[in-house]
Structures are given as C-alpha cells and as structure tokens.
C-alpha cells in the first residue's frame, strides 16, 4: 500500500532528525502502526508498537502521557483484532484486557 510506504518514510526521517523518543516521532510511529494493523499486518504492527514505540514513549513521555496511553490502546485493540492468528487466544485476550484496564485507570486519574 502506497500510504504505508510513505508513513514508513516519514517515521524513518523523524527518527533520523528528531530521535526515536521525540513526541512527534512517536505520533508518526503510532500512525504507521495503525496502518499496519488496518492492513492486517498484525505481527508487524503489534511488535513495532510493543517493542519499539511503547518503551520509547514510556521512557521519554511517561506512562500517563496521552501519546503513551494512545499507543497502549492501539496495542490492546490490535491484539483483539488479531485473535484469529493466535493459538493462545485466552492469553492474548487477558493481555488486551489488562492493557485496556490500565489505560482506563490512567485516563481517569490524569484527565478526570
């Protein structure tokens, strides 16, 4: 998909110019991850979000930042959407539920 190619380019350029932990880079990464998930590139989108975006967001922005919470929600949604590709469905559902509960609690605490 052409949009996915462009989003990869944008993300790569932002990493090069702003760094992997910059808020704008993380936002671009989230957009890229969402596109991967919409194209059903589940494993790539999930691992990109889980292994790269979320650790960088937690470290640079903090666990309660809106961008970090949004990335967490993307991950939880992708885990549920990708259930057909997993043999451990119960474990995946529990992980997604745990993430969603954490995001909801943080949003209530931070945003009221």
N, C-alpha and C. Protein backbone atom coordinates (compact mmCIF):
# COMPACT_ATOMS: atom_id res chain seq x y z
N UNK A 1 0.85 -1.18 0.00
CA UNK A 1 0.00 0.00 0.00
C UNK A 1 0.90 1.25 0.00
N UNK A 2 0.58 2.18 -0.86
CA UNK A 2 1.40 3.38 -1.04
C UNK A 2 1.44 4.24 0.23
N UNK A 3 0.31 4.35 0.92
CA UNK A 3 0.27 5.14 2.15
C UNK A 3 1.21 4.56 3.20
N UNK A 4 1.25 3.25 3.29
CA UNK A 4 2.13 2.59 4.26
C UNK A 4 3.59 2.90 3.95
N UNK A 5 3.94 2.88 2.67
CA UNK A 5 5.32 3.19 2.26
C UNK A 5 5.67 4.62 2.67
N UNK A 6 4.76 5.55 2.43
CA UNK A 6 5.00 6.95 2.80
C UNK A 6 5.11 7.12 4.31
N UNK A 7 4.27 6.42 5.05
CA UNK A 7 4.33 6.52 6.51
C UNK A 7 5.64 5.95 7.05
N UNK A 8 6.14 4.89 6.44
CA UNK A 8 7.44 4.35 6.85
C UNK A 8 8.55 5.37 6.60
N UNK A 9 8.48 6.05 5.46
CA UNK A 9 9.48 7.07 5.12
C UNK A 9 9.43 8.21 6.13
N UNK A 10 8.24 8.68 6.42
CA UNK A 10 8.07 9.78 7.38
C UNK A 10 8.62 9.38 8.75
N UNK A 11 8.25 8.19 9.20
CA UNK A 11 8.71 7.72 10.51
C UNK A 11 10.24 7.63 10.52
N UNK A 12 10.82 7.05 9.50
CA UNK A 12 12.28 6.88 9.42
C UNK A 12 12.97 8.24 9.44
N UNK A 13 12.43 9.19 8.73
CA UNK A 13 13.03 10.54 8.70
C UNK A 13 12.90 11.24 10.05
N UNK A 14 11.78 11.03 10.71
CA UNK A 14 11.63 11.65 12.03
C UNK A 14 12.58 11.03 13.05
N UNK A 15 12.77 9.72 12.95
CA UNK A 15 13.75 9.08 13.84
C UNK A 15 15.13 9.69 13.59
N UNK A 16 15.48 9.86 12.32
CA UNK A 16 16.80 10.40 11.96
C UNK A 16 16.98 11.85 12.41
N UNK A 17 15.92 12.65 12.32
CA UNK A 17 16.06 14.07 12.63
C UNK A 17 15.72 14.43 14.07
N UNK A 18 14.70 13.79 14.63
CA UNK A 18 14.24 14.15 15.97
C UNK A 18 14.64 13.14 17.05
N UNK A 19 14.91 11.91 16.62
CA UNK A 19 15.20 10.84 17.57
C UNK A 19 13.98 9.97 17.79
N UNK A 20 14.21 8.74 18.19
CA UNK A 20 13.13 7.76 18.34
C UNK A 20 12.18 8.08 19.48
N UNK A 21 12.62 8.89 20.44
CA UNK A 21 11.79 9.16 21.63
C UNK A 21 11.05 10.49 21.57
N UNK A 22 11.21 11.24 20.51
CA UNK A 22 10.53 12.53 20.38
C UNK A 22 9.03 12.30 20.20
N UNK A 23 8.23 13.17 20.79
CA UNK A 23 6.78 13.01 20.73
C UNK A 23 6.26 12.97 19.29
N UNK A 24 6.79 13.82 18.41
CA UNK A 24 6.33 13.80 17.01
C UNK A 24 6.71 12.50 16.31
N UNK A 25 7.87 11.96 16.64
CA UNK A 25 8.28 10.68 16.07
C UNK A 25 7.35 9.56 16.55
N UNK A 26 7.04 9.58 17.84
CA UNK A 26 6.14 8.56 18.40
C UNK A 26 4.75 8.66 17.80
N UNK A 27 4.29 9.88 17.57
CA UNK A 27 2.99 10.07 16.92
C UNK A 27 3.01 9.48 15.51
N UNK A 28 4.08 9.76 14.76
CA UNK A 28 4.21 9.19 13.41
C UNK A 28 4.29 7.67 13.47
N UNK A 29 5.00 7.16 14.46
CA UNK A 29 5.08 5.71 14.64
C UNK A 29 3.72 5.11 14.94
N UNK A 30 2.92 5.81 15.73
CA UNK A 30 1.56 5.33 16.01
C UNK A 30 0.70 5.29 14.76
N UNK A 31 0.84 6.29 13.93
CA UNK A 31 0.11 6.32 12.66
C UNK A 31 0.54 5.16 11.78
N UNK A 32 1.84 4.90 11.74
CA UNK A 32 2.37 3.78 10.97
C UNK A 32 1.85 2.45 11.53
N UNK A 33 1.87 2.30 12.83
CA UNK A 33 1.37 1.07 13.45
C UNK A 33 -0.10 0.85 13.14
N UNK A 34 -0.90 1.90 13.22
CA UNK A 34 -2.33 1.78 12.89
C UNK A 34 -2.53 1.34 11.45
N UNK A 35 -1.74 1.89 10.56
CA UNK A 35 -1.84 1.49 9.15
C UNK A 35 -1.50 0.02 8.97
N UNK A 36 -0.45 -0.43 9.65
CA UNK A 36 -0.09 -1.85 9.58
C UNK A 36 -1.26 -2.72 10.03
N UNK A 37 -1.88 -2.30 11.12
CA UNK A 37 -2.98 -3.07 11.68
C UNK A 37 -4.21 -3.06 10.76
N UNK A 38 -4.48 -1.92 10.17
CA UNK A 38 -5.61 -1.83 9.23
C UNK A 38 -5.39 -2.72 8.01
N UNK A 39 -4.12 -2.89 7.65
CA UNK A 39 -3.79 -3.76 6.51
C UNK A 39 -3.61 -5.22 6.96
N UNK A 40 -3.94 -5.48 8.22
CA UNK A 40 -3.87 -6.82 8.81
C UNK A 40 -2.45 -7.37 8.86
N UNK A 41 -1.50 -6.46 8.99
CA UNK A 41 -0.11 -6.84 9.23
C UNK A 41 0.07 -6.90 10.75
N UNK A 42 -0.70 -7.82 11.36
CA UNK A 42 -0.83 -7.87 12.81
C UNK A 42 0.51 -7.99 13.53
N UNK A 43 1.27 -9.01 13.19
CA UNK A 43 2.51 -9.27 13.92
C UNK A 43 3.48 -8.10 13.82
N UNK A 44 3.59 -7.52 12.64
CA UNK A 44 4.49 -6.38 12.47
C UNK A 44 4.00 -5.18 13.28
N UNK A 45 2.72 -4.88 13.19
CA UNK A 45 2.16 -3.75 13.92
C UNK A 45 2.23 -3.93 15.42
N UNK A 46 1.93 -5.14 15.88
CA UNK A 46 1.96 -5.42 17.32
C UNK A 46 3.39 -5.35 17.85
N UNK A 47 4.33 -6.00 17.16
CA UNK A 47 5.70 -5.99 17.66
C UNK A 47 6.32 -4.59 17.58
N UNK A 48 6.01 -3.84 16.53
CA UNK A 48 6.50 -2.46 16.40
C UNK A 48 6.00 -1.61 17.58
N UNK A 49 4.73 -1.75 17.89
CA UNK A 49 4.15 -0.97 18.99
C UNK A 49 4.69 -1.44 20.33
N UNK A 50 4.69 -2.75 20.55
CA UNK A 50 5.11 -3.31 21.84
C UNK A 50 6.61 -3.14 22.10
N UNK A 51 7.42 -3.38 21.08
CA UNK A 51 8.87 -3.45 21.27
C UNK A 51 9.61 -2.14 21.04
N UNK A 52 9.04 -1.25 20.22
CA UNK A 52 9.74 0.00 19.91
C UNK A 52 9.01 1.23 20.43
N UNK A 53 7.75 1.39 20.03
CA UNK A 53 7.05 2.63 20.34
C UNK A 53 6.74 2.79 21.83
N UNK A 54 6.15 1.78 22.43
CA UNK A 54 5.76 1.91 23.83
C UNK A 54 6.95 2.09 24.78
N UNK A 55 8.02 1.33 24.65
CA UNK A 55 9.16 1.59 25.54
C UNK A 55 9.71 3.01 25.40
N UNK A 56 9.81 3.50 24.17
CA UNK A 56 10.30 4.86 23.94
C UNK A 56 9.35 5.89 24.53
N UNK A 57 8.05 5.68 24.36
CA UNK A 57 7.06 6.61 24.90
C UNK A 57 7.07 6.62 26.43
N UNK A 58 7.13 5.45 27.03
CA UNK A 58 7.16 5.39 28.50
C UNK A 58 8.39 6.08 29.06
N UNK A 59 9.52 5.88 28.40
CA UNK A 59 10.77 6.46 28.89
C UNK A 59 10.80 7.97 28.70
N UNK A 60 10.41 8.45 27.53
CA UNK A 60 10.55 9.88 27.26
C UNK A 60 9.35 10.72 27.68
N UNK A 61 8.15 10.18 27.56
CA UNK A 61 6.95 10.95 27.86
C UNK A 61 6.32 10.59 29.19
N UNK A 62 6.58 9.38 29.64
CA UNK A 62 5.99 8.89 30.89
C UNK A 62 4.78 8.02 30.61
N UNK A 63 4.43 7.17 31.57
CA UNK A 63 3.34 6.22 31.36
C UNK A 63 1.95 6.85 31.30
N UNK A 64 1.80 8.08 31.80
CA UNK A 64 0.49 8.72 31.83
C UNK A 64 0.26 9.71 30.70
N UNK A 65 1.25 9.90 29.85
CA UNK A 65 1.12 10.85 28.73
C UNK A 65 0.08 10.34 27.74
N UNK A 66 -0.65 11.26 27.14
CA UNK A 66 -1.71 10.88 26.20
C UNK A 66 -1.18 10.03 25.05
N UNK A 67 -0.01 10.34 24.53
CA UNK A 67 0.55 9.55 23.42
C UNK A 67 0.86 8.13 23.88
N UNK A 68 1.42 7.98 25.07
CA UNK A 68 1.71 6.65 25.61
C UNK A 68 0.42 5.86 25.79
N UNK A 69 -0.59 6.51 26.32
CA UNK A 69 -1.88 5.84 26.53
C UNK A 69 -2.52 5.45 25.20
N UNK A 70 -2.41 6.32 24.22
CA UNK A 70 -2.97 6.03 22.90
C UNK A 70 -2.26 4.83 22.26
N UNK A 71 -0.94 4.78 22.36
CA UNK A 71 -0.19 3.65 21.83
C UNK A 71 -0.57 2.35 22.54
N UNK A 72 -0.77 2.43 23.84
CA UNK A 72 -1.20 1.24 24.60
C UNK A 72 -2.56 0.76 24.11
N UNK A 73 -3.45 1.71 23.86
CA UNK A 73 -4.79 1.34 23.37
C UNK A 73 -4.70 0.71 21.99
N UNK A 74 -3.84 1.25 21.13
CA UNK A 74 -3.63 0.65 19.80
C UNK A 74 -3.19 -0.80 19.93
N UNK A 75 -2.27 -1.05 20.87
CA UNK A 75 -1.76 -2.40 21.06
C UNK A 75 -2.87 -3.33 21.52
N UNK A 76 -3.66 -2.90 22.50
CA UNK A 76 -4.74 -3.74 23.01
C UNK A 76 -5.76 -4.05 21.92
N UNK A 77 -6.11 -3.06 21.13
CA UNK A 77 -7.07 -3.25 20.05
C UNK A 77 -6.52 -4.22 19.01
N UNK A 78 -5.26 -4.05 18.66
CA UNK A 78 -4.64 -4.94 17.67
C UNK A 78 -4.59 -6.38 18.16
N UNK A 79 -4.30 -6.56 19.44
CA UNK A 79 -4.26 -7.91 19.99
C UNK A 79 -5.61 -8.61 19.82
N UNK A 80 -6.68 -7.89 20.10
CA UNK A 80 -8.02 -8.46 19.96
C UNK A 80 -8.35 -8.70 18.49
N UNK A 81 -8.04 -7.72 17.66
CA UNK A 81 -8.34 -7.85 16.23
C UNK A 81 -7.58 -8.99 15.57
N UNK A 82 -6.40 -9.30 16.11
CA UNK A 82 -5.56 -10.33 15.51
C UNK A 82 -5.78 -11.72 16.12
N UNK A 83 -6.81 -11.88 16.89
CA UNK A 83 -7.03 -13.15 17.59
C UNK A 83 -7.00 -14.37 16.70
N UNK A 84 -7.50 -14.27 15.50
CA UNK A 84 -7.52 -15.42 14.60
C UNK A 84 -6.14 -15.95 14.29
N UNK A 85 -5.13 -15.11 14.44
CA UNK A 85 -3.76 -15.52 14.12
C UNK A 85 -3.04 -16.14 15.32
N UNK A 86 -3.69 -16.14 16.48
CA UNK A 86 -3.04 -16.63 17.70
C UNK A 86 -3.61 -17.98 18.12
N UNK A 87 -2.73 -18.85 18.58
CA UNK A 87 -3.17 -20.13 19.11
C UNK A 87 -3.50 -20.01 20.60
N UNK A 88 -2.93 -19.00 21.26
CA UNK A 88 -3.17 -18.78 22.69
C UNK A 88 -4.18 -17.66 22.88
N UNK A 89 -5.39 -17.85 22.43
CA UNK A 89 -6.39 -16.78 22.43
C UNK A 89 -6.71 -16.27 23.83
N UNK A 90 -6.81 -17.16 24.78
CA UNK A 90 -7.13 -16.74 26.15
C UNK A 90 -6.04 -15.82 26.69
N UNK A 91 -4.79 -16.17 26.50
CA UNK A 91 -3.67 -15.35 26.98
C UNK A 91 -3.67 -13.98 26.31
N UNK A 92 -3.97 -13.96 25.03
CA UNK A 92 -3.99 -12.70 24.28
C UNK A 92 -5.13 -11.81 24.77
N UNK A 93 -6.29 -12.41 24.98
CA UNK A 93 -7.43 -11.64 25.50
C UNK A 93 -7.14 -11.07 26.89
N UNK A 94 -6.50 -11.86 27.73
CA UNK A 94 -6.15 -11.38 29.06
C UNK A 94 -5.15 -10.23 28.99
N UNK A 95 -4.18 -10.33 28.09
CA UNK A 95 -3.22 -9.25 27.91
C UNK A 95 -3.93 -7.98 27.44
N UNK A 96 -4.80 -8.12 26.45
CA UNK A 96 -5.53 -6.96 25.92
C UNK A 96 -6.41 -6.34 27.01
N UNK A 97 -7.07 -7.17 27.79
CA UNK A 97 -7.93 -6.66 28.85
C UNK A 97 -7.11 -5.92 29.91
N UNK A 98 -5.97 -6.46 30.27
CA UNK A 98 -5.10 -5.82 31.25
C UNK A 98 -4.63 -4.46 30.75
N UNK A 99 -4.24 -4.38 29.50
CA UNK A 99 -3.80 -3.11 28.91
C UNK A 99 -4.95 -2.10 28.92
N UNK A 100 -6.14 -2.54 28.50
CA UNK A 100 -7.28 -1.63 28.44
C UNK A 100 -7.68 -1.13 29.82
N UNK A 101 -7.63 -2.00 30.82
CA UNK A 101 -7.94 -1.56 32.19
C UNK A 101 -6.92 -0.55 32.68
N UNK A 102 -5.65 -0.79 32.40
CA UNK A 102 -4.60 0.14 32.80
C UNK A 102 -4.79 1.50 32.14
N UNK A 103 -5.07 1.49 30.84
CA UNK A 103 -5.29 2.75 30.11
C UNK A 103 -6.49 3.49 30.70
N UNK A 104 -7.58 2.79 30.97
CA UNK A 104 -8.79 3.43 31.52
C UNK A 104 -8.50 4.05 32.89
N UNK A 105 -7.79 3.34 33.74
CA UNK A 105 -7.46 3.86 35.07
C UNK A 105 -6.57 5.10 34.97
N UNK A 106 -5.57 5.04 34.10
CA UNK A 106 -4.67 6.19 33.95
C UNK A 106 -5.41 7.39 33.37
N UNK A 107 -6.26 7.15 32.38
CA UNK A 107 -7.01 8.27 31.79
C UNK A 107 -7.92 8.92 32.83
N UNK A 108 -8.61 8.10 33.64
CA UNK A 108 -9.48 8.66 34.69
C UNK A 108 -8.67 9.49 35.68
N UNK A 109 -7.52 8.96 36.09
CA UNK A 109 -6.68 9.65 37.06
C UNK A 109 -6.10 10.94 36.50
N UNK A 110 -5.62 10.89 35.27
CA UNK A 110 -4.93 12.04 34.69
C UNK A 110 -5.90 13.06 34.10
N UNK A 111 -6.91 12.59 33.40
CA UNK A 111 -7.81 13.50 32.67
C UNK A 111 -9.16 13.71 33.33
N UNK A 112 -9.42 12.96 34.40
CA UNK A 112 -10.68 13.13 35.12
C UNK A 112 -11.85 12.42 34.57
